[in-house]
């Protein structure tokens, strides 16, 4: 497979790639860099040290109402108690 003649001759070959030069679904990015490395089998390994943490690592978890329940906030008992607290007893 070869590129079209118009793209492989002249000055155009040495210009930087723009989003209008390529097909749909291609994202060039803007100074993004690599997040990891490719494997020889076609996979990708993410290097977690290169990623930007958008959540601070210094945030401490706050105590919550559902402490001690087996399923946490998904416990049906917790749901019923919360419903009674906010809506009154039916």
N, C-alpha and C. Protein backbone atom coordinates (compact mmCIF):
# COMPACT_ATOMS: atom_id res chain seq x y z
N UNK A 1 0.85 -1.18 0.00
CA UNK A 1 0.00 0.00 0.00
C UNK A 1 0.89 1.24 0.00
N UNK A 2 0.59 2.17 -0.89
CA UNK A 2 1.39 3.39 -1.01
C UNK A 2 0.50 4.62 -0.88
N UNK A 3 1.06 5.74 -0.43
CA UNK A 3 0.26 6.97 -0.40
C UNK A 3 0.03 7.48 -1.82
N UNK A 4 -0.95 8.35 -1.97
CA UNK A 4 -1.23 8.92 -3.28
C UNK A 4 -0.06 9.77 -3.74
N UNK A 5 0.06 9.95 -5.04
CA UNK A 5 1.18 10.70 -5.59
C UNK A 5 1.21 12.14 -5.08
N UNK A 6 0.03 12.73 -4.92
CA UNK A 6 -0.01 14.13 -4.50
C UNK A 6 0.61 14.31 -3.12
N UNK A 7 0.50 13.31 -2.27
CA UNK A 7 1.03 13.44 -0.91
C UNK A 7 2.52 13.10 -0.82
N UNK A 8 3.04 12.35 -1.78
CA UNK A 8 4.42 11.88 -1.63
C UNK A 8 5.45 12.69 -2.39
N UNK A 9 5.04 13.72 -3.13
CA UNK A 9 6.02 14.52 -3.89
C UNK A 9 6.00 15.96 -3.43
N UNK A 10 7.10 16.64 -3.64
CA UNK A 10 7.16 18.07 -3.38
C UNK A 10 7.25 18.42 -1.92
N UNK A 11 6.86 19.66 -1.63
CA UNK A 11 6.95 20.19 -0.27
C UNK A 11 5.97 19.54 0.69
N UNK A 12 4.86 19.05 0.14
CA UNK A 12 3.80 18.53 1.01
C UNK A 12 4.29 17.39 1.90
N UNK A 13 5.24 16.64 1.43
CA UNK A 13 5.74 15.51 2.19
C UNK A 13 6.43 15.97 3.48
N UNK A 14 6.97 17.17 3.48
CA UNK A 14 7.72 17.65 4.63
C UNK A 14 6.90 18.55 5.55
N UNK A 15 5.64 18.79 5.22
CA UNK A 15 4.80 19.62 6.08
C UNK A 15 4.30 18.80 7.26
N UNK A 16 3.96 19.48 8.34
CA UNK A 16 3.40 18.80 9.50
C UNK A 16 2.00 18.29 9.17
N UNK A 17 1.63 17.21 9.81
CA UNK A 17 0.33 16.61 9.61
C UNK A 17 -0.74 17.45 10.31
N UNK A 18 -1.83 17.74 9.60
CA UNK A 18 -2.95 18.46 10.21
C UNK A 18 -4.15 17.54 10.22
N UNK A 19 -5.18 17.93 10.96
CA UNK A 19 -6.37 17.09 11.05
C UNK A 19 -7.13 17.06 9.73
N UNK A 20 -6.94 18.05 8.86
CA UNK A 20 -7.64 18.05 7.58
C UNK A 20 -6.94 17.17 6.54
N UNK A 21 -5.72 16.74 6.82
CA UNK A 21 -4.98 15.90 5.88
C UNK A 21 -5.34 14.43 6.01
N UNK A 22 -5.98 14.04 7.07
CA UNK A 22 -6.23 12.62 7.32
C UNK A 22 -7.73 12.36 7.35
N UNK A 23 -8.09 11.08 7.38
CA UNK A 23 -9.50 10.69 7.35
C UNK A 23 -10.21 10.94 8.66
N UNK A 24 -11.49 10.60 8.65
CA UNK A 24 -12.32 10.78 9.83
C UNK A 24 -11.88 9.84 10.95
N UNK A 25 -12.05 10.25 12.18
CA UNK A 25 -11.72 9.39 13.31
C UNK A 25 -10.26 9.43 13.72
N UNK A 26 -9.47 10.30 13.13
CA UNK A 26 -8.06 10.41 13.50
C UNK A 26 -7.88 11.63 14.36
N UNK A 27 -7.27 11.47 15.52
CA UNK A 27 -7.01 12.60 16.40
C UNK A 27 -5.51 12.76 16.54
N UNK A 28 -5.02 13.89 16.09
CA UNK A 28 -3.59 14.15 16.13
C UNK A 28 -3.12 14.45 17.55
N UNK A 29 -3.91 15.19 18.28
CA UNK A 29 -3.50 15.57 19.63
C UNK A 29 -2.68 16.84 19.61
N UNK A 30 -2.48 17.42 20.77
CA UNK A 30 -1.72 18.66 20.88
C UNK A 30 -0.74 18.50 22.03
N UNK A 31 0.48 18.20 21.73
CA UNK A 31 1.54 18.01 22.72
C UNK A 31 1.16 16.98 23.78
N UNK A 32 0.53 15.91 23.38
CA UNK A 32 0.07 14.93 24.35
C UNK A 32 1.15 13.95 24.76
N UNK A 33 2.02 13.55 23.85
CA UNK A 33 3.06 12.59 24.18
C UNK A 33 2.49 11.19 24.32
N UNK A 34 3.34 10.24 24.62
CA UNK A 34 2.89 8.86 24.76
C UNK A 34 2.54 8.58 26.21
N UNK A 35 1.57 7.69 26.41
CA UNK A 35 1.17 7.31 27.75
C UNK A 35 1.75 5.95 28.13
N UNK A 36 2.44 5.32 27.21
CA UNK A 36 2.99 4.00 27.49
C UNK A 36 3.77 3.51 26.29
N UNK A 37 3.69 2.19 26.06
CA UNK A 37 4.43 1.63 24.94
C UNK A 37 3.64 0.48 24.31
N UNK A 38 3.89 0.25 23.04
CA UNK A 38 3.25 -0.84 22.31
C UNK A 38 4.00 -2.13 22.57
N UNK A 39 3.25 -3.23 22.61
CA UNK A 39 3.88 -4.54 22.73
C UNK A 39 4.10 -5.11 21.33
N UNK A 40 4.90 -6.15 21.24
CA UNK A 40 5.16 -6.73 19.92
C UNK A 40 3.97 -7.54 19.40
N UNK A 41 2.96 -7.77 20.24
CA UNK A 41 1.76 -8.49 19.81
C UNK A 41 0.61 -7.56 19.47
N UNK A 42 0.84 -6.26 19.45
CA UNK A 42 -0.19 -5.30 19.07
C UNK A 42 -0.94 -4.70 20.24
N UNK A 43 -0.60 -5.06 21.45
CA UNK A 43 -1.26 -4.48 22.62
C UNK A 43 -0.59 -3.17 23.03
N UNK A 44 -1.06 -2.62 24.13
CA UNK A 44 -0.50 -1.36 24.62
C UNK A 44 -0.40 -1.44 26.13
N UNK A 45 0.75 -1.09 26.67
CA UNK A 45 0.98 -1.08 28.11
C UNK A 45 1.03 0.37 28.57
N UNK A 46 0.15 0.73 29.50
CA UNK A 46 0.10 2.10 30.00
C UNK A 46 1.13 2.26 31.11
N UNK A 47 1.92 3.32 31.01
CA UNK A 47 2.88 3.68 32.05
C UNK A 47 2.17 4.67 32.98
N UNK A 48 1.72 4.20 34.14
CA UNK A 48 0.89 5.01 35.03
C UNK A 48 1.65 6.20 35.60
N UNK A 49 2.97 6.18 35.59
CA UNK A 49 3.75 7.32 36.09
C UNK A 49 3.67 8.52 35.16
N UNK A 50 3.35 8.29 33.88
CA UNK A 50 3.27 9.38 32.91
C UNK A 50 1.92 10.09 32.92
N UNK A 51 0.90 9.47 33.50
CA UNK A 51 -0.44 10.05 33.47
C UNK A 51 -0.57 11.17 34.49
N UNK A 52 -1.37 12.17 34.15
CA UNK A 52 -1.62 13.29 35.04
C UNK A 52 -2.71 12.90 36.04
N UNK A 53 -2.45 12.99 37.34
CA UNK A 53 -3.51 12.68 38.31
C UNK A 53 -4.49 13.85 38.42
N UNK A 54 -5.72 13.63 37.97
CA UNK A 54 -6.73 14.69 38.04
C UNK A 54 -7.39 14.73 39.42
N UNK A 55 -7.18 13.71 40.22
CA UNK A 55 -7.65 13.69 41.60
C UNK A 55 -6.41 13.67 42.47
N UNK A 56 -6.37 14.54 43.44
CA UNK A 56 -5.19 14.65 44.28
C UNK A 56 -4.96 13.35 45.06
N UNK A 57 -3.72 12.99 45.22
CA UNK A 57 -3.39 11.79 45.99
C UNK A 57 -3.45 12.06 47.49
N UNK A 58 -3.62 13.32 47.87
CA UNK A 58 -3.63 13.69 49.28
C UNK A 58 -5.04 13.77 49.86
N UNK A 59 -6.07 13.46 49.08
CA UNK A 59 -7.45 13.53 49.55
C UNK A 59 -7.72 12.34 50.46
N UNK A 60 -8.27 12.61 51.63
CA UNK A 60 -8.60 11.55 52.56
C UNK A 60 -10.08 11.22 52.44
N UNK A 61 -10.47 9.96 52.55
CA UNK A 61 -11.90 9.62 52.50
C UNK A 61 -12.61 10.14 53.75
N UNK A 62 -13.79 10.70 53.54
CA UNK A 62 -14.57 11.21 54.67
C UNK A 62 -15.46 10.11 55.23
N UNK A 63 -15.72 10.13 56.53
CA UNK A 63 -16.63 9.13 57.09
C UNK A 63 -18.04 9.33 56.54
N UNK A 64 -18.77 8.22 56.40
CA UNK A 64 -20.09 8.29 55.79
C UNK A 64 -21.14 7.60 56.65
N UNK A 65 -22.41 7.72 56.24
CA UNK A 65 -23.52 7.17 57.01
C UNK A 65 -23.57 5.65 56.98
N UNK A 66 -23.10 5.04 55.93
CA UNK A 66 -23.27 3.60 55.77
C UNK A 66 -22.08 2.80 56.27
N UNK A 67 -21.37 3.30 57.22
CA UNK A 67 -20.22 2.57 57.76
C UNK A 67 -20.70 1.34 58.53
N UNK A 68 -20.09 0.22 58.28
CA UNK A 68 -20.43 -1.00 58.99
C UNK A 68 -21.42 -1.89 58.26
N UNK A 69 -22.04 -1.42 57.18
CA UNK A 69 -22.96 -2.25 56.42
C UNK A 69 -22.17 -3.13 55.45
N UNK A 70 -22.68 -4.33 55.21
CA UNK A 70 -21.94 -5.29 54.39
C UNK A 70 -21.78 -4.81 52.95
N UNK A 71 -22.85 -4.30 52.35
CA UNK A 71 -22.79 -3.88 50.94
C UNK A 71 -22.57 -2.39 50.80
N UNK A 72 -22.35 -1.70 51.89
CA UNK A 72 -22.13 -0.26 51.83
C UNK A 72 -23.39 0.46 51.38
N UNK A 73 -23.30 1.41 50.44
CA UNK A 73 -24.47 2.18 50.02
C UNK A 73 -25.45 1.36 49.20
N UNK A 74 -25.08 0.15 48.77
CA UNK A 74 -25.99 -0.68 47.99
C UNK A 74 -26.85 -1.57 48.87
N UNK A 75 -26.69 -1.50 50.16
CA UNK A 75 -27.46 -2.32 51.08
C UNK A 75 -28.92 -1.87 51.08
N UNK A 76 -29.89 -2.79 50.89
CA UNK A 76 -31.30 -2.40 50.87
C UNK A 76 -31.76 -1.80 52.21
N UNK A 77 -31.21 -2.26 53.32
CA UNK A 77 -31.57 -1.71 54.62
C UNK A 77 -31.20 -0.22 54.69
N UNK A 78 -30.04 0.12 54.19
CA UNK A 78 -29.60 1.51 54.17
C UNK A 78 -30.55 2.36 53.33
N UNK A 79 -30.98 1.83 52.16
CA UNK A 79 -31.89 2.57 51.29
C UNK A 79 -33.21 2.85 52.00
N UNK A 80 -33.77 1.86 52.68
CA UNK A 80 -35.05 2.04 53.37
C UNK A 80 -34.91 3.05 54.50
N UNK A 81 -33.83 2.97 55.25
CA UNK A 81 -33.62 3.92 56.34
C UNK A 81 -33.45 5.35 55.82
N UNK A 82 -32.73 5.52 54.73
CA UNK A 82 -32.57 6.84 54.14
C UNK A 82 -33.92 7.37 53.64
N UNK A 83 -34.71 6.50 53.03
CA UNK A 83 -36.02 6.90 52.51
C UNK A 83 -36.92 7.35 53.67
N UNK A 84 -36.91 6.62 54.77
CA UNK A 84 -37.71 6.99 55.93
C UNK A 84 -37.24 8.31 56.53
N UNK A 85 -35.94 8.54 56.55
CA UNK A 85 -35.39 9.76 57.12
C UNK A 85 -35.82 10.99 56.32
N UNK A 86 -35.78 10.90 55.00
CA UNK A 86 -36.07 12.07 54.16
C UNK A 86 -37.53 12.20 53.76
N UNK A 87 -38.29 11.10 53.71
CA UNK A 87 -39.67 11.15 53.24
C UNK A 87 -40.70 10.86 54.31
N UNK A 88 -40.29 10.47 55.46
CA UNK A 88 -41.23 10.14 56.52
C UNK A 88 -41.69 8.70 56.40
N UNK A 89 -42.29 8.19 57.47
CA UNK A 89 -42.76 6.81 57.47
C UNK A 89 -44.05 6.73 56.69
N UNK A 90 -44.14 5.74 55.80
CA UNK A 90 -45.32 5.60 54.94
C UNK A 90 -46.42 4.84 55.63
